[in-house]
Amino acid sequence: MRLPDTAFTERPWRVHEFIKDFEIEDVWHLETPGGPDDLALLVAQFDSDGADFKPSPMYKLLFAIRWRLGAILKWDGKEHGLGPRNPSLRDRLPDDLLNGPRGPDMKVVPLKSVYQSKDEWVTEVVNKTVHAAMHIGWVDDGKGGHHAVMAILVKKKGTLGKVYMPLILPFRRVFVTPSLVKAIGRSWRTRLAR
C-alpha cells in the first residue's frame, strides 16, 4: 500500500542527514510483520539469488524493456555508474554509519548497499537518467509489532532524467512497485513459515 510522504519525512531516519538533494518518489508499506530487531532478517532476504522473487509478468516485461533500452542507448555503462563522476552516498556518510555495517549489495538488480543500522537500510543505483536510493526503515506499528516502510528517493540527471523519470512514474506506481511490494511480502511470509 502506498503511503503519504510523511511516513518517511516525519521519522528521524539518519538518511535525512545526507540526502537533502534527492526527491521522494514514493513511500510504501511492506507486509513484513515482525519484532523490533527483525530488519536484519528482511535485509538478509534481499541477499539472495532471487529464486523466491516472483514478480508479475508486467513487472518482468517493463524491466526487460528498460534493460533493453538501457543497452541500446548506453544508459547503464560504467561511465554513468558509481565512480568519480557519480560519487556514492557512502561518501556523504558520517563516521559512525561509514564504519558500521554496510549491508549486502543486491544480486538480482544493480543496487549497491550504502549502510545498514538497527532500523534502516539504504541502497543506491546510478545510471545516465538518475541517482536513486531505496530506503527501508523498520517501524513500530503502535500495536506491539513492527514492519518495514520503503521509500524511493531520486536525483534526476540532466534533461534526459527530467523527461524520462516522470514519464515512467505512472508505470512504476501501477505495475512495478506494487508487484515488488507483493513479492517482498510473499518472500517474508515464506521465510517466516520455515
Protein backbone atom coordinates (compact mmCIF):
# COMPACT_ATOMS: atom_id res chain seq x y z
CA MET A 1 0.00 0.00 0.00
CA ARG A 2 1.29 3.44 -0.94
CA LEU A 3 1.76 5.82 1.98
CA PRO A 4 1.97 9.62 2.23
CA ASP A 5 5.48 11.08 2.07
CA THR A 6 5.17 11.98 5.76
CA ALA A 7 5.53 8.27 6.61
CA PHE A 8 9.15 8.84 5.59
CA THR A 9 9.77 12.55 6.25
CA GLU A 10 8.39 12.63 9.79
CA ARG A 11 10.59 9.84 11.08
CA PRO A 12 14.03 10.59 12.49
CA TRP A 13 15.91 8.50 9.94
CA ARG A 14 19.64 9.09 9.67
CA VAL A 15 19.33 9.18 5.87
CA HIS A 16 17.79 12.67 6.14
CA GLU A 17 21.22 13.97 7.18
CA PHE A 18 22.79 13.44 3.75
CA ILE A 19 20.09 13.08 1.11
CA LYS A 20 18.61 16.59 1.05
CA ASP A 21 19.19 16.98 -2.72
CA PHE A 22 17.02 13.91 -3.53
CA GLU A 23 13.26 13.95 -4.11
CA ILE A 24 10.81 11.44 -2.67
CA GLU A 25 9.17 9.45 -5.46
CA ASP A 26 7.15 7.03 -3.35
CA VAL A 27 6.70 5.63 0.13
CA TRP A 28 5.24 2.13 0.58
CA HIS A 29 4.11 -0.06 3.48
CA LEU A 30 5.69 -3.51 3.28
CA GLU A 31 3.76 -6.52 4.61
CA THR A 32 6.61 -7.70 6.83
CA PRO A 33 5.19 -8.13 10.34
CA GLY A 34 7.88 -8.83 12.88
CA GLY A 35 9.64 -7.91 16.07
CA PRO A 36 11.76 -4.91 16.99
CA ASP A 37 15.03 -6.42 15.74
CA ASP A 38 13.86 -8.06 12.51
CA LEU A 39 15.16 -5.56 9.94
CA ALA A 40 18.32 -7.69 9.66
CA LEU A 41 16.14 -10.66 8.64
CA LEU A 42 14.46 -8.58 5.94
CA VAL A 43 17.81 -7.32 4.63
CA ALA A 44 19.07 -10.93 4.50
CA GLN A 45 16.07 -11.71 2.29
CA PHE A 46 17.48 -9.28 -0.31
CA ASP A 47 20.86 -11.04 -0.18
CA SER A 48 19.66 -13.99 -2.22
CA ASP A 49 19.82 -15.25 -5.79
CA GLY A 50 16.23 -14.13 -6.34
CA ALA A 51 14.87 -17.66 -6.74
CA ASP A 52 11.93 -16.85 -4.45
CA PHE A 53 11.31 -13.44 -6.08
CA LYS A 54 8.18 -13.86 -8.21
CA PRO A 55 7.14 -10.51 -9.71
CA SER A 56 4.18 -10.08 -12.04
CA PRO A 57 4.51 -10.67 -15.80
CA MET A 58 4.04 -6.90 -16.35
CA TYR A 59 6.91 -6.18 -13.96
CA LYS A 60 9.13 -8.57 -15.92
CA LEU A 61 8.08 -7.05 -19.26
CA LEU A 62 8.67 -3.46 -18.15
CA PHE A 63 12.10 -4.31 -16.76
CA ALA A 64 13.01 -6.23 -19.92
CA ILE A 65 12.10 -3.14 -21.95
CA ARG A 66 14.06 -0.88 -19.60
CA TRP A 67 17.21 -3.05 -19.70
CA ARG A 68 16.99 -3.31 -23.50
CA LEU A 69 16.59 0.47 -23.85
CA GLY A 70 19.50 0.98 -21.46
CA ALA A 71 21.70 -1.31 -23.54
CA ILE A 72 20.77 0.30 -26.85
CA LEU A 73 21.07 3.89 -25.56
CA LYS A 74 24.06 3.11 -23.30
CA TRP A 75 22.38 4.40 -20.14
CA ASP A 76 23.95 1.83 -17.85
CA GLY A 77 27.62 1.95 -18.88
CA LYS A 78 30.36 2.18 -16.26
CA GLU A 79 30.88 5.85 -17.09
CA HIS A 80 27.34 6.56 -15.82
CA GLY A 81 27.61 4.40 -12.69
CA LEU A 82 29.14 4.98 -9.29
CA GLY A 83 32.62 6.48 -9.52
CA PRO A 84 34.46 9.81 -9.59
CA ARG A 85 31.82 11.44 -11.82
CA ASN A 86 28.97 9.99 -9.75
CA PRO A 87 30.05 9.67 -6.12
CA SER A 88 28.33 7.17 -3.88
CA LEU A 89 26.13 8.22 -1.00
CA ARG A 90 28.73 6.42 1.13
CA ASP A 91 30.97 9.44 0.52
CA ARG A 92 28.43 11.55 2.45
CA LEU A 93 28.08 9.29 5.49
CA PRO A 94 29.07 10.42 8.96
CA ASP A 95 31.82 8.30 10.51
CA ASP A 96 29.54 6.17 12.70
CA LEU A 97 27.50 4.98 9.69
CA LEU A 98 30.54 4.70 7.42
CA ASN A 99 32.31 2.46 9.94
CA GLY A 100 29.17 0.46 10.80
CA PRO A 101 27.52 -2.39 8.92
CA ARG A 102 27.05 -1.79 5.21
CA GLY A 103 24.54 -4.49 4.31
CA PRO A 104 24.58 -6.64 1.19
CA ASP A 105 24.69 -5.49 -2.42
CA MET A 106 21.66 -6.88 -4.22
CA LYS A 107 22.29 -9.72 -6.64
CA VAL A 108 19.09 -9.53 -8.72
CA VAL A 109 19.16 -5.79 -9.50
CA PRO A 110 22.17 -3.44 -9.62
CA LEU A 111 21.59 -1.79 -6.23
CA LYS A 112 24.67 -1.23 -4.06
CA SER A 113 24.33 -1.08 -0.31
CA VAL A 114 25.12 2.23 1.38
CA TYR A 115 24.61 1.41 5.07
CA GLN A 116 22.58 -0.74 7.44
CA SER A 117 21.62 0.09 11.00
CA LYS A 118 19.21 -1.45 13.50
CA ASP A 119 16.25 0.26 11.84
CA GLU A 120 17.45 1.46 8.40
CA TRP A 121 18.94 0.04 5.23
CA VAL A 122 19.84 2.18 2.23
CA THR A 123 20.86 1.04 -1.26
CA GLU A 124 21.61 3.06 -4.38
CA VAL A 125 21.92 2.86 -8.15
CA VAL A 126 23.28 5.39 -10.63
CA ASN A 127 22.82 5.47 -14.39
CA LYS A 128 22.52 8.10 -17.11
CA THR A 129 18.99 9.11 -16.03
CA VAL A 130 19.06 9.08 -12.24
CA HIS A 131 20.87 8.60 -8.96
CA ALA A 132 18.28 6.66 -6.95
CA ALA A 133 18.17 5.34 -3.42
CA MET A 134 15.92 2.79 -1.77
CA HIS A 135 15.45 3.35 1.96
CA ILE A 136 13.89 0.60 4.02
CA GLY A 137 13.04 1.60 7.55
CA TRP A 138 11.80 -0.65 10.34
CA VAL A 139 8.93 0.97 12.24
CA ASP A 140 6.88 0.28 15.34
CA ASP A 141 3.23 -0.08 14.32
CA GLY A 142 2.00 1.15 17.72
CA LYS A 143 0.27 -2.19 18.40
CA GLY A 144 3.22 -4.21 19.66
CA GLY A 145 4.55 -5.17 16.24
CA HIS A 146 6.91 -3.82 13.62
CA HIS A 147 7.08 -3.72 9.83
CA ALA A 148 9.07 -2.11 7.04
CA VAL A 149 8.40 1.10 5.14
CA MET A 150 10.15 1.55 1.79
CA ALA A 151 10.93 4.98 0.32
CA ILE A 152 12.23 5.54 -3.21
CA LEU A 153 14.35 8.69 -3.50
CA VAL A 154 15.66 10.15 -6.75
CA LYS A 155 18.02 12.78 -8.05
CA LYS A 156 17.27 13.18 -11.76
CA LYS A 157 20.30 13.55 -14.00
CA GLY A 158 20.22 16.11 -16.81
CA THR A 159 17.44 16.73 -19.29
CA LEU A 160 17.12 13.01 -20.01
CA GLY A 161 16.37 12.23 -16.37
CA LYS A 162 13.96 15.15 -16.04
CA VAL A 163 11.96 13.81 -19.00
CA TYR A 164 12.35 10.05 -18.51
CA MET A 165 11.66 9.77 -14.76
CA PRO A 166 8.22 11.50 -14.79
CA LEU A 167 7.35 9.53 -17.93
CA ILE A 168 7.87 6.16 -16.23
CA LEU A 169 6.40 7.16 -12.85
CA PRO A 170 2.82 6.03 -13.66
CA PHE A 171 4.12 2.62 -14.82
CA ARG A 172 6.19 2.29 -11.65
CA ARG A 173 3.27 3.21 -9.40
CA VAL A 174 0.73 0.96 -11.13
CA PHE A 175 2.77 -2.07 -12.22
CA VAL A 176 6.34 -2.16 -10.93
CA THR A 177 6.35 -1.13 -7.28
CA PRO A 178 3.08 -2.87 -6.28
CA SER A 179 4.45 -6.09 -7.78
CA LEU A 180 7.73 -5.60 -5.89
CA VAL A 181 5.89 -4.87 -2.64
CA LYS A 182 3.80 -8.05 -3.02
CA ALA A 183 6.87 -10.14 -3.86
CA ILE A 184 8.69 -8.84 -0.77
CA GLY A 185 5.67 -9.72 1.40
CA ARG A 186 5.40 -13.23 -0.12
CA SER A 187 9.12 -13.88 0.42
CA TRP A 188 8.83 -12.63 4.01
CA ARG A 189 5.90 -14.94 4.76
CA THR A 190 7.74 -17.88 3.14
CA ARG A 191 10.82 -17.24 5.29
CA LEU A 192 8.71 -16.95 8.47
CA ALA A 193 6.97 -20.24 7.64
CA ARG A 194 10.34 -22.01 7.54
